Amino acid sequence: MDILTHKILGLMNEAETKAWASLCGYKFWMFGYHAAAWVKYNQLLDEPLPNPFKELVKSAQGK
């Protein structure tokens, strides 16, 4: 793994952690901000990772 990929993965981990923490605190705007950051970082990878928010979105679509 190169340095850039390692840095991107670190930023993705931080964005995911902040997104879930924001959601737990009913800070929906901040959840969206950090979730969107995770998605943008994921687009920079050669092999994108599965979206950790996918099940949450599916649940919301069913309401």
Protein backbone atom coordinates (compact mmCIF):
# COMPACT_ATOMS: atom_id res chain seq x y z
CA MET A 1 0.00 0.00 0.00
CA ASP A 2 1.43 3.34 -0.98
CA ILE A 3 1.55 6.41 1.24
CA LEU A 4 -1.32 8.18 -0.52
CA THR A 5 -3.65 5.19 -0.17
CA HIS A 6 -2.69 4.89 3.50
CA LYS A 7 -3.50 8.58 4.04
CA ILE A 8 -6.85 8.28 2.23
CA LEU A 9 -7.83 5.25 4.31
CA GLY A 10 -6.97 7.16 7.48
CA LEU A 11 -9.14 10.08 6.40
CA MET A 12 -11.96 7.68 5.52
CA ASN A 13 -11.78 6.09 8.95
CA GLU A 14 -11.89 9.50 10.60
CA ALA A 15 -14.84 10.62 8.43
CA GLU A 16 -16.79 7.44 9.20
CA THR A 17 -16.19 7.77 12.93
CA LYS A 18 -17.28 11.42 12.90
CA ALA A 19 -20.35 10.60 10.79
CA TRP A 20 -21.61 7.94 13.21
CA ALA A 21 -20.85 10.18 16.21
CA SER A 22 -22.79 13.02 14.60
CA LEU A 23 -25.76 10.78 13.93
CA CYS A 24 -25.72 9.56 17.54
CA GLY A 25 -25.85 13.19 18.66
CA TYR A 26 -28.79 14.04 16.35
CA LYS A 27 -26.48 16.31 14.31
CA PHE A 28 -27.90 15.31 10.95
CA TRP A 29 -26.19 18.05 8.93
CA MET A 30 -22.80 16.99 10.27
CA PHE A 31 -23.60 13.34 9.60
CA GLY A 32 -24.24 14.23 5.96
CA TYR A 33 -21.06 16.26 5.76
CA HIS A 34 -18.84 13.47 7.07
CA ALA A 35 -20.65 10.71 5.16
CA ALA A 36 -20.19 12.70 1.93
CA ALA A 37 -16.50 13.15 2.74
CA TRP A 38 -16.18 9.37 3.16
CA VAL A 39 -17.79 8.84 -0.26
CA LYS A 40 -15.47 11.37 -1.92
CA TYR A 41 -12.38 9.78 -0.37
CA ASN A 42 -13.62 6.36 -1.49
CA GLN A 43 -13.78 7.61 -5.09
CA LEU A 44 -10.04 8.32 -4.92
CA LEU A 45 -9.14 4.68 -4.26
CA ASP A 46 -8.21 2.28 -7.06
CA GLU A 47 -10.53 -0.32 -5.51
CA PRO A 48 -13.43 1.38 -3.68
CA LEU A 49 -14.60 -0.05 -0.36
CA PRO A 50 -18.21 -0.97 0.43
CA ASN A 51 -20.20 1.98 1.74
CA PRO A 52 -20.65 1.65 5.54
CA PHE A 53 -23.83 3.74 5.34
CA LYS A 54 -25.59 1.55 2.77
CA GLU A 55 -27.80 -0.30 5.27
CA LEU A 56 -28.83 2.98 6.89
CA VAL A 57 -29.87 4.36 3.50
CA LYS A 58 -31.81 1.18 2.68
CA SER A 59 -33.60 1.45 6.01
CA ALA A 60 -34.51 5.08 5.35
CA GLN A 61 -35.80 4.24 1.86
CA GLY A 62 -38.18 1.71 3.37
CA LYS A 63 -39.89 4.31 5.60
